[in-house]
PDB file of all heavy atoms in Angstrom:
ATOM      1  N   ILE A   1    -155.564-252.037  22.568  1.00  0.00           N
ATOM      2  CA  ILE A   1    -156.013-250.727  23.010  1.00  0.00           C
ATOM      3  C   ILE A   1    -154.810-249.937  23.498  1.00  0.00           C
ATOM      4  O   ILE A   1    -154.002-250.446  24.239  1.00  0.00           O
ATOM      5  CB  ILE A   1    -157.088-250.807  24.156  1.00  0.00           C
ATOM      6  CG1 ILE A   1    -158.318-251.580  23.664  1.00  0.00           C
ATOM      7  CG2 ILE A   1    -157.442-249.488  24.684  1.00  0.00           C
ATOM      8  CD1 ILE A   1    -159.358-251.827  24.681  1.00  0.00           C
ATOM      9  N   ARG A   2    -154.761-248.708  22.995  1.00  0.00           N
ATOM     10  CA  ARG A   2    -153.609-247.840  23.343  1.00  0.00           C
ATOM     11  C   ARG A   2    -154.144-246.524  23.923  1.00  0.00           C
ATOM     12  O   ARG A   2    -155.170-245.988  23.469  1.00  0.00           O
ATOM     13  CB  ARG A   2    -152.697-247.560  22.150  1.00  0.00           C
ATOM     14  CG  ARG A   2    -151.923-248.732  21.648  1.00  0.00           C
ATOM     15  CD  ARG A   2    -150.862-248.355  20.598  1.00  0.00           C
ATOM     16  NE  ARG A   2    -151.538-247.994  19.342  1.00  0.00           N
ATOM     17  CZ  ARG A   2    -151.973-248.833  18.431  1.00  0.00           C
ATOM     18  NH1 ARG A   2    -151.848-250.156  18.583  1.00  0.00           N
ATOM     19  NH2 ARG A   2    -152.532-248.349  17.334  1.00  0.00           N
ATOM     20  N   ILE A   3    -153.486-246.058  24.984  1.00  0.00           N
ATOM     21  CA  ILE A   3    -153.676-244.713  25.507  1.00  0.00           C
ATOM     22  C   ILE A   3    -152.464-243.924  25.277  1.00  0.00           C
ATOM     23  O   ILE A   3    -151.380-244.284  25.799  1.00  0.00           O
ATOM     24  CB  ILE A   3    -154.018-244.796  27.008  1.00  0.00           C
ATOM     25  CG1 ILE A   3    -155.299-245.631  27.284  1.00  0.00           C
ATOM     26  CG2 ILE A   3    -154.165-243.406  27.616  1.00  0.00           C
ATOM     27  CD1 ILE A   3    -155.677-245.842  28.747  1.00  0.00           C
ATOM     28  N   GLY A   4    -152.581-242.909  24.427  1.00  0.00           N
ATOM     29  CA  GLY A   4    -151.379-242.223  23.939  1.00  0.00           C
ATOM     30  C   GLY A   4    -150.589-243.242  23.141  1.00  0.00           C
ATOM     31  O   GLY A   4    -151.096-243.978  22.318  1.00  0.00           O
ATOM     32  N   ASP A   5    -149.238-243.343  23.443  1.00  0.00           N
ATOM     33  CA  ASP A   5    -148.369-244.260  22.712  1.00  0.00           C
ATOM     34  C   ASP A   5    -148.256-245.630  23.424  1.00  0.00           C
ATOM     35  O   ASP A   5    -147.550-246.474  23.031  1.00  0.00           O
ATOM     36  CB  ASP A   5    -146.988-243.662  22.566  1.00  0.00           C
ATOM     37  CG  ASP A   5    -147.015-242.417  21.686  1.00  0.00           C
ATOM     38  OD1 ASP A   5    -147.841-242.356  20.788  1.00  0.00           O
ATOM     39  OD2 ASP A   5    -146.150-241.502  21.912  1.00  0.00           O
ATOM     40  N   ARG A   6    -148.929-245.730  24.574  1.00  0.00           N
ATOM     41  CA  ARG A   6    -148.780-246.883  25.434  1.00  0.00           C
ATOM     42  C   ARG A   6    -149.846-247.958  25.187  1.00  0.00           C
ATOM     43  O   ARG A   6    -151.000-247.683  25.197  1.00  0.00           O
ATOM     44  CB  ARG A   6    -148.835-246.387  26.887  1.00  0.00           C
ATOM     45  CG  ARG A   6    -148.587-247.426  27.945  1.00  0.00           C
ATOM     46  CD  ARG A   6    -148.623-246.779  29.332  1.00  0.00           C
ATOM     47  NE  ARG A   6    -148.604-247.728  30.379  1.00  0.00           N
ATOM     48  CZ  ARG A   6    -149.335-247.748  31.436  1.00  0.00           C
ATOM     49  NH1 ARG A   6    -150.260-246.741  31.616  1.00  0.00           N
ATOM     50  NH2 ARG A   6    -149.257-248.628  32.400  1.00  0.00           N
ATOM     51  N   ASP A   7    -149.376-249.202  24.874  1.00  0.00           N
ATOM     52  CA  ASP A   7    -150.310-250.290  24.701  1.00  0.00           C
ATOM     53  C   ASP A   7    -150.752-250.777  26.086  1.00  0.00           C
ATOM     54  O   ASP A   7    -149.953-251.235  26.898  1.00  0.00           O
ATOM     55  CB  ASP A   7    -149.604-251.443  23.982  1.00  0.00           C
ATOM     56  CG  ASP A   7    -150.578-252.538  23.538  1.00  0.00           C
ATOM     57  OD1 ASP A   7    -151.555-252.776  24.227  1.00  0.00           O
ATOM     58  OD2 ASP A   7    -150.352-253.131  22.481  1.00  0.00           O
ATOM     59  N   VAL A   8    -152.032-250.586  26.378  1.00  0.00           N
ATOM     60  CA  VAL A   8    -152.587-250.964  27.694  1.00  0.00           C
ATOM     61  C   VAL A   8    -153.440-252.250  27.621  1.00  0.00           C
ATOM     62  O   VAL A   8    -154.147-252.559  28.597  1.00  0.00           O
ATOM     63  CB  VAL A   8    -153.389-249.788  28.332  1.00  0.00           C
ATOM     64  CG1 VAL A   8    -152.526-248.576  28.514  1.00  0.00           C
ATOM     65  CG2 VAL A   8    -154.621-249.469  27.487  1.00  0.00           C
ATOM     66  N   THR A   9    -153.372-252.930  26.501  1.00  0.00           N
ATOM     67  CA  THR A   9    -154.286-254.103  26.301  1.00  0.00           C
ATOM     68  C   THR A   9    -154.240-255.028  27.490  1.00  0.00           C
ATOM     69  O   THR A   9    -155.289-255.606  27.892  1.00  0.00           O
ATOM     70  CB  THR A   9    -153.825-254.839  25.010  1.00  0.00           C
ATOM     71  OG1 THR A   9    -153.706-253.946  23.972  1.00  0.00           O
ATOM     72  CG2 THR A   9    -154.809-255.960  24.648  1.00  0.00           C
ATOM     73  N   HIS A  10    -153.077-255.280  28.042  1.00  0.00           N
ATOM     74  CA  HIS A  10    -152.953-256.259  29.151  1.00  0.00           C
ATOM     75  C   HIS A  10    -152.434-255.608  30.441  1.00  0.00           C
ATOM     76  O   HIS A  10    -151.929-256.306  31.308  1.00  0.00           O
ATOM     77  CB  HIS A  10    -152.049-257.447  28.754  1.00  0.00           C
ATOM     78  CG  HIS A  10    -152.538-258.131  27.505  1.00  0.00           C
ATOM     79  ND1 HIS A  10    -153.748-258.794  27.400  1.00  0.00           N
ATOM     80  CD2 HIS A  10    -151.927-258.215  26.257  1.00  0.00           C
ATOM     81  CE1 HIS A  10    -153.870-259.254  26.194  1.00  0.00           C
ATOM     82  NE2 HIS A  10    -152.824-258.936  25.433  1.00  0.00           N
ATOM     83  N   VAL A  11    -152.619-254.265  30.530  1.00  0.00           N
ATOM     84  CA  VAL A  11    -152.154-253.562  31.712  1.00  0.00           C
ATOM     85  C   VAL A  11    -153.232-253.639  32.812  1.00  0.00           C
ATOM     86  O   VAL A  11    -154.427-253.518  32.488  1.00  0.00           O
ATOM     87  CB  VAL A  11    -151.794-252.097  31.357  1.00  0.00           C
ATOM     88  CG1 VAL A  11    -151.547-251.207  32.595  1.00  0.00           C
ATOM     89  CG2 VAL A  11    -150.570-252.013  30.441  1.00  0.00           C
ATOM     90  N   ASP A  12    -152.825-253.708  34.006  1.00  0.00           N
ATOM     91  CA  ASP A  12    -153.749-253.764  35.158  1.00  0.00           C
ATOM     92  C   ASP A  12    -154.601-252.491  35.207  1.00  0.00           C
ATOM     93  O   ASP A  12    -154.070-251.393  34.939  1.00  0.00           O
ATOM     94  CB  ASP A  12    -152.910-253.856  36.464  1.00  0.00           C
ATOM     95  CG  ASP A  12    -153.846-254.167  37.660  1.00  0.00           C
ATOM     96  OD1 ASP A  12    -154.183-255.295  37.869  1.00  0.00           O
ATOM     97  OD2 ASP A  12    -154.097-253.159  38.373  1.00  0.00           O
ATOM     98  N   PRO A  13    -155.863-252.596  35.535  1.00  0.00           N
ATOM     99  CA  PRO A  13    -156.780-251.359  35.520  1.00  0.00           C
ATOM    100  C   PRO A  13    -156.203-250.255  36.405  1.00  0.00           C
ATOM    101  O   PRO A  13    -156.249-249.035  36.021  1.00  0.00           O
ATOM    102  CB  PRO A  13    -158.090-251.906  36.170  1.00  0.00           C
ATOM    103  CG  PRO A  13    -158.063-253.387  35.886  1.00  0.00           C
ATOM    104  CD  PRO A  13    -156.666-253.817  35.878  1.00  0.00           C
ATOM    105  N   ALA A  14    -155.613-250.565  37.555  1.00  0.00           N
ATOM    106  CA  ALA A  14    -155.070-249.544  38.419  1.00  0.00           C
ATOM    107  C   ALA A  14    -153.941-248.742  37.819  1.00  0.00           C
ATOM    108  O   ALA A  14    -153.598-247.616  38.265  1.00  0.00           O
ATOM    109  CB  ALA A  14    -154.606-250.169  39.774  1.00  0.00           C
ATOM    110  N   ASP A  15    -153.303-249.314  36.797  1.00  0.00           N
ATOM    111  CA  ASP A  15    -152.085-248.668  36.139  1.00  0.00           C
ATOM    112  C   ASP A  15    -152.417-247.977  34.854  1.00  0.00           C
ATOM    113  O   ASP A  15    -151.571-247.618  34.104  1.00  0.00           O
ATOM    114  CB  ASP A  15    -150.977-249.738  35.971  1.00  0.00           C
ATOM    115  CG  ASP A  15    -150.528-250.336  37.262  1.00  0.00           C
ATOM    116  OD1 ASP A  15    -150.501-249.549  38.290  1.00  0.00           O
ATOM    117  OD2 ASP A  15    -150.172-251.525  37.298  1.00  0.00           O
ATOM    118  N   ARG A  16    -153.717-247.772  34.571  1.00  0.00           N
ATOM    119  CA  ARG A  16    -154.079-247.164  33.270  1.00  0.00           C
ATOM    120  C   ARG A  16    -154.366-245.709  33.379  1.00  0.00           C
ATOM    121  O   ARG A  16    -154.564-245.051  32.335  1.00  0.00           O
ATOM    122  CB  ARG A  16    -155.332-247.884  32.701  1.00  0.00           C
ATOM    123  CG  ARG A  16    -155.087-249.346  32.354  1.00  0.00           C
ATOM    124  CD  ARG A  16    -156.194-249.936  31.517  1.00  0.00           C
ATOM    125  NE  ARG A  16    -155.966-251.345  31.313  1.00  0.00           N
ATOM    126  CZ  ARG A  16    -156.567-252.110  30.368  1.00  0.00           C
ATOM    127  NH1 ARG A  16    -157.381-251.528  29.526  1.00  0.00           N
ATOM    128  NH2 ARG A  16    -156.243-253.390  30.227  1.00  0.00           N
ATOM    129  N   ASP A  17    -154.459-245.146  34.578  1.00  0.00           N
ATOM    130  CA  ASP A  17    -154.667-243.728  34.776  1.00  0.00           C
ATOM    131  C   ASP A  17    -156.013-243.277  34.207  1.00  0.00           C
ATOM    132  O   ASP A  17    -156.143-242.345  33.441  1.00  0.00           O
ATOM    133  CB  ASP A  17    -153.531-242.865  34.204  1.00  0.00           C
ATOM    134  CG  ASP A  17    -153.531-241.479  34.819  1.00  0.00           C
ATOM    135  OD1 ASP A  17    -154.236-241.217  35.778  1.00  0.00           O
ATOM    136  OD2 ASP A  17    -152.770-240.651  34.305  1.00  0.00           O
ATOM    137  N   ILE A  18    -157.026-244.152  34.522  1.00  0.00           N
ATOM    138  CA  ILE A  18    -158.423-243.884  34.090  1.00  0.00           C
ATOM    139  C   ILE A  18    -159.262-243.672  35.309  1.00  0.00           C
ATOM    140  O   ILE A  18    -159.106-244.378  36.263  1.00  0.00           O
ATOM    141  CB  ILE A  18    -158.902-245.060  33.262  1.00  0.00           C
ATOM    142  CG1 ILE A  18    -158.310-245.047  31.859  1.00  0.00           C
ATOM    143  CG2 ILE A  18    -160.428-245.097  33.141  1.00  0.00           C
ATOM    144  CD1 ILE A  18    -158.588-246.213  31.021  1.00  0.00           C
ATOM    145  N   ALA A  19    -160.268-242.763  35.241  1.00  0.00           N
ATOM    146  CA  ALA A  19    -161.220-242.584  36.332  1.00  0.00           C
ATOM    147  C   ALA A  19    -162.597-242.962  35.706  1.00  0.00           C
ATOM    148  O   ALA A  19    -162.992-242.394  34.705  1.00  0.00           O
ATOM    149  CB  ALA A  19    -161.225-241.194  36.871  1.00  0.00           C
ATOM    150  N   MET A  20    -163.313-243.843  36.431  1.00  0.00           N
ATOM    151  CA  MET A  20    -164.656-244.309  35.983  1.00  0.00           C
ATOM    152  C   MET A  20    -165.727-243.572  36.749  1.00  0.00           C
ATOM    153  O   MET A  20    -165.590-243.285  37.921  1.00  0.00           O
ATOM    154  CB  MET A  20    -164.848-245.803  36.270  1.00  0.00           C
ATOM    155  CG  MET A  20    -164.038-246.723  35.405  1.00  0.00           C
ATOM    156  SD  MET A  20    -164.700-246.939  33.739  1.00  0.00           S
ATOM    157  CE  MET A  20    -166.241-247.789  33.985  1.00  0.00           C
ATOM    158  N   VAL A  21    -166.815-243.186  36.046  1.00  0.00           N
ATOM    159  CA  VAL A  21    -167.971-242.718  36.642  1.00  0.00           C
ATOM    160  C   VAL A  21    -169.156-243.645  36.174  1.00  0.00           C
ATOM    161  O   VAL A  21    -169.422-243.754  35.019  1.00  0.00           O
ATOM    162  CB  VAL A  21    -168.318-241.221  36.265  1.00  0.00           C
ATOM    163  CG1 VAL A  21    -169.585-240.732  36.985  1.00  0.00           C
ATOM    164  CG2 VAL A  21    -167.129-240.297  36.555  1.00  0.00           C
ATOM    165  N   PHE A  22    -169.792-244.289  37.152  1.00  0.00           N
ATOM    166  CA  PHE A  22    -170.758-245.326  36.872  1.00  0.00           C
ATOM    167  C   PHE A  22    -172.210-244.755  36.970  1.00  0.00           C
ATOM    168  O   PHE A  22    -172.446-243.708  37.523  1.00  0.00           O
ATOM    169  CB  PHE A  22    -170.594-246.520  37.797  1.00  0.00           C
ATOM    170  CG  PHE A  22    -169.353-247.271  37.601  1.00  0.00           C
ATOM    171  CD1 PHE A  22    -168.315-247.084  38.495  1.00  0.00           C
ATOM    172  CD2 PHE A  22    -169.224-248.208  36.576  1.00  0.00           C
ATOM    173  CE1 PHE A  22    -167.084-247.813  38.330  1.00  0.00           C
ATOM    174  CE2 PHE A  22    -168.043-248.907  36.392  1.00  0.00           C
ATOM    175  CZ  PHE A  22    -166.970-248.755  37.284  1.00  0.00           C
ATOM    176  N   GLN A  23    -173.121-245.622  36.490  1.00  0.00           N
ATOM    177  CA  GLN A  23    -174.551-245.306  36.652  1.00  0.00           C
ATOM    178  C   GLN A  23    -174.961-245.283  38.104  1.00  0.00           C
ATOM    179  O   GLN A  23    -175.692-244.398  38.563  1.00  0.00           O
ATOM    180  CB  GLN A  23    -175.338-246.443  35.944  1.00  0.00           C
ATOM    181  CG  GLN A  23    -176.834-246.271  36.015  1.00  0.00           C
ATOM    182  CD  GLN A  23    -177.474-247.436  35.228  1.00  0.00           C
ATOM    183  OE1 GLN A  23    -176.812-248.101  34.430  1.00  0.00           O
ATOM    184  NE2 GLN A  23    -178.757-247.602  35.413  1.00  0.00           N
ATOM    185  N   THR A  24    -174.416-246.196  38.934  1.00  0.00           N
ATOM    186  CA  THR A  24    -174.587-246.180  40.383  1.00  0.00           C
ATOM    187  C   THR A  24    -173.480-245.399  40.968  1.00  0.00           C
ATOM    188  O   THR A  24    -172.312-245.640  40.567  1.00  0.00           O
ATOM    189  CB  THR A  24    -174.623-247.581  40.981  1.00  0.00           C
ATOM    190  OG1 THR A  24    -173.504-248.287  40.563  1.00  0.00           O
ATOM    191  CG2 THR A  24    -175.885-248.354  40.491  1.00  0.00           C
ATOM    192  N   TYR A  25    -173.693-244.472  41.853  1.00  0.00           N
ATOM    193  CA  TYR A  25    -172.663-243.531  42.319  1.00  0.00           C
ATOM    194  C   TYR A  25    -171.708-244.283  43.247  1.00  0.00           C
ATOM    195  O   TYR A  25    -170.556-243.780  43.394  1.00  0.00           O
ATOM    196  CB  TYR A  25    -173.305-242.323  43.011  1.00  0.00           C
ATOM    197  CG  TYR A  25    -174.498-241.786  42.192  1.00  0.00           C
ATOM    198  CD1 TYR A  25    -175.703-241.497  42.802  1.00  0.00           C
ATOM    199  CD2 TYR A  25    -174.362-241.635  40.800  1.00  0.00           C
ATOM    200  CE1 TYR A  25    -176.778-241.041  42.049  1.00  0.00           C
ATOM    201  CE2 TYR A  25    -175.425-241.150  40.041  1.00  0.00           C
ATOM    202  CZ  TYR A  25    -176.633-240.890  40.676  1.00  0.00           C
ATOM    203  OH  TYR A  25    -177.672-240.466  39.919  1.00  0.00           O
ATOM    204  N   ALA A  26    -172.135-245.326  43.901  1.00  0.00           N
ATOM    205  CA  ALA A  26    -171.245-246.122  44.781  1.00  0.00           C
ATOM    206  C   ALA A  26    -170.501-245.294  45.791  1.00  0.00           C
ATOM    207  O   ALA A  26    -169.260-245.366  45.987  1.00  0.00           O
ATOM    208  CB  ALA A  26    -170.268-246.973  43.956  1.00  0.00           C
ATOM    209  N   LEU A  27    -171.172-244.328  46.432  1.00  0.00           N
ATOM    210  CA  LEU A  27    -170.581-243.485  47.443  1.00  0.00           C
ATOM    211  C   LEU A  27    -170.577-244.253  48.817  1.00  0.00           C
ATOM    212  O   LEU A  27    -171.497-245.051  49.083  1.00  0.00           O
ATOM    213  CB  LEU A  27    -171.348-242.159  47.583  1.00  0.00           C
ATOM    214  CG  LEU A  27    -171.505-241.337  46.319  1.00  0.00           C
ATOM    215  CD1 LEU A  27    -172.324-240.097  46.603  1.00  0.00           C
ATOM    216  CD2 LEU A  27    -170.086-240.929  45.816  1.00  0.00           C
ATOM    217  N   TYR A  28    -169.559-243.997  49.597  1.00  0.00           N
ATOM    218  CA  TYR A  28    -169.554-244.643  50.950  1.00  0.00           C
ATOM    219  C   TYR A  28    -170.491-243.868  51.874  1.00  0.00           C
ATOM    220  O   TYR A  28    -170.287-242.667  52.113  1.00  0.00           O
ATOM    221  CB  TYR A  28    -168.108-244.578  51.498  1.00  0.00           C
ATOM    222  CG  TYR A  28    -167.121-245.390  50.656  1.00  0.00           C
ATOM    223  CD1 TYR A  28    -166.208-244.754  49.854  1.00  0.00           C
ATOM    224  CD2 TYR A  28    -167.168-246.777  50.670  1.00  0.00           C
ATOM    225  CE1 TYR A  28    -165.328-245.499  49.067  1.00  0.00           C
ATOM    226  CE2 TYR A  28    -166.264-247.510  49.898  1.00  0.00           C
ATOM    227  CZ  TYR A  28    -165.345-246.898  49.098  1.00  0.00           C
ATOM    228  OH  TYR A  28    -164.525-247.613  48.369  1.00  0.00           O
ATOM    229  N   PRO A  29    -171.552-244.521  52.411  1.00  0.00           N
ATOM    230  CA  PRO A  29    -172.534-243.804  53.189  1.00  0.00           C
ATOM    231  C   PRO A  29    -172.047-243.230  54.464  1.00  0.00           C
ATOM    232  O   PRO A  29    -172.604-242.221  54.965  1.00  0.00           O
ATOM    233  CB  PRO A  29    -173.669-244.877  53.418  1.00  0.00           C
ATOM    234  CG  PRO A  29    -172.956-246.182  53.228  1.00  0.00           C
ATOM    235  CD  PRO A  29    -171.873-245.969  52.277  1.00  0.00           C
ATOM    236  N   HIS A  30    -171.004-243.816  55.085  1.00  0.00           N
ATOM    237  CA  HIS A  30    -170.538-243.388  56.357  1.00  0.00           C
ATOM    238  C   HIS A  30    -169.536-242.215  56.216  1.00  0.00           C
ATOM    239  O   HIS A  30    -169.077-241.674  57.263  1.00  0.00           O
ATOM    240  CB  HIS A  30    -169.904-244.549  57.170  1.00  0.00           C
ATOM    241  CG  HIS A  30    -168.729-245.126  56.458  1.00  0.00           C
ATOM    242  ND1 HIS A  30    -168.868-245.906  55.321  1.00  0.00           N
ATOM    243  CD2 HIS A  30    -167.383-245.009  56.643  1.00  0.00           C
ATOM    244  CE1 HIS A  30    -167.663-246.326  54.918  1.00  0.00           C
ATOM    245  NE2 HIS A  30    -166.716-245.730  55.735  1.00  0.00           N
ATOM    246  N   MET A  31    -169.122-241.937  55.033  1.00  0.00           N
ATOM    247  CA  MET A  31    -168.127-240.841  54.824  1.00  0.00           C
ATOM    248  C   MET A  31    -168.820-239.541  54.341  1.00  0.00           C
ATOM    249  O   MET A  31    -169.829-239.574  53.666  1.00  0.00           O
ATOM    250  CB  MET A  31    -167.048-241.273  53.719  1.00  0.00           C
ATOM    251  CG  MET A  31    -166.191-242.379  54.106  1.00  0.00           C
ATOM    252  SD  MET A  31    -164.984-242.583  52.734  1.00  0.00           S
ATOM    253  CE  MET A  31    -164.144-244.085  53.268  1.00  0.00           C
ATOM    254  N   THR A  32    -168.169-238.423  54.658  1.00  0.00           N
ATOM    255  CA  THR A  32    -168.681-237.159  54.176  1.00  0.00           C
ATOM    256  C   THR A  32    -168.363-237.025  52.689  1.00  0.00           C
ATOM    257  O   THR A  32    -167.641-237.890  52.113  1.00  0.00           O
ATOM    258  CB  THR A  32    -167.941-235.983  54.864  1.00  0.00           C
ATOM    259  OG1 THR A  32    -166.510-236.061  54.493  1.00  0.00           O
ATOM    260  CG2 THR A  32    -168.133-235.990  56.360  1.00  0.00           C
ATOM    261  N   VAL A  33    -168.930-236.028  52.048  1.00  0.00           N
ATOM    262  CA  VAL A  33    -168.661-235.762  50.674  1.00  0.00           C
ATOM    263  C   VAL A  33    -167.178-235.559  50.406  1.00  0.00           C
ATOM    264  O   VAL A  33    -166.613-236.148  49.425  1.00  0.00           O
ATOM    265  CB  VAL A  33    -169.472-234.494  50.183  1.00  0.00           C
ATOM    266  CG1 VAL A  33    -168.980-233.931  48.891  1.00  0.00           C
ATOM    267  CG2 VAL A  33    -170.978-234.799  50.129  1.00  0.00           C
ATOM    268  N   ALA A  34    -166.552-234.790  51.233  1.00  0.00           N
ATOM    269  CA  ALA A  34    -165.074-234.520  51.113  1.00  0.00           C
ATOM    270  C   ALA A  34    -164.323-235.834  51.175  1.00  0.00           C
ATOM    271  O   ALA A  34    -163.388-236.073  50.360  1.00  0.00           O
ATOM    272  CB  ALA A  34    -164.644-233.539  52.103  1.00  0.00           C
ATOM    273  N   ALA A  35    -164.628-236.660  52.137  1.00  0.00           N
ATOM    274  CA  ALA A  35    -163.916-237.959  52.310  1.00  0.00           C
ATOM    275  C   ALA A  35    -164.188-238.884  51.099  1.00  0.00           C
ATOM    276  O   ALA A  35    -163.274-239.558  50.692  1.00  0.00           O
ATOM    277  CB  ALA A  35    -164.334-238.622  53.567  1.00  0.00           C
ATOM    278  N   ASN A  36    -165.408-238.924  50.617  1.00  0.00           N
ATOM    279  CA  ASN A  36    -165.713-239.710  49.405  1.00  0.00           C
ATOM    280  C   ASN A  36    -164.900-239.243  48.203  1.00  0.00           C
ATOM    281  O   ASN A  36    -164.328-240.086  47.519  1.00  0.00           O
ATOM    282  CB  ASN A  36    -167.218-239.623  49.104  1.00  0.00           C
ATOM    283  CG  ASN A  36    -168.053-240.727  49.670  1.00  0.00           C
ATOM    284  OD1 ASN A  36    -167.976-241.856  49.205  1.00  0.00           O
ATOM    285  ND2 ASN A  36    -168.792-240.413  50.701  1.00  0.00           N
ATOM    286  N   MET A  37    -164.832-237.937  48.051  1.00  0.00           N
ATOM    287  CA  MET A  37    -164.112-237.396  46.878  1.00  0.00           C
ATOM    288  C   MET A  37    -162.595-237.657  46.945  1.00  0.00           C
ATOM    289  O   MET A  37    -161.929-237.880  45.959  1.00  0.00           O
ATOM    290  CB  MET A  37    -164.396-235.882  46.709  1.00  0.00           C
ATOM    291  CG  MET A  37    -165.775-235.637  46.179  1.00  0.00           C
ATOM    292  SD  MET A  37    -166.297-233.894  46.299  1.00  0.00           S
ATOM    293  CE  MET A  37    -165.128-233.108  45.185  1.00  0.00           C
ATOM    294  N   GLY A  38    -162.090-237.628  48.126  1.00  0.00           N
ATOM    295  CA  GLY A  38    -160.646-237.778  48.287  1.00  0.00           C
ATOM    296  C   GLY A  38    -160.145-239.163  48.646  1.00  0.00           C
ATOM    297  O   GLY A  38    -158.933-239.430  48.801  1.00  0.00           O
TER     298      GLY A  38
END
């Protein structure tokens, strides 16, 4: 799997520069909207 010219097949998820949006929103209930987003 490549993103641009970079082979990310075995790259750590945190280093792929990808943002996930899931079916469950997984928001932190004790944080405000602004704190959740940031």
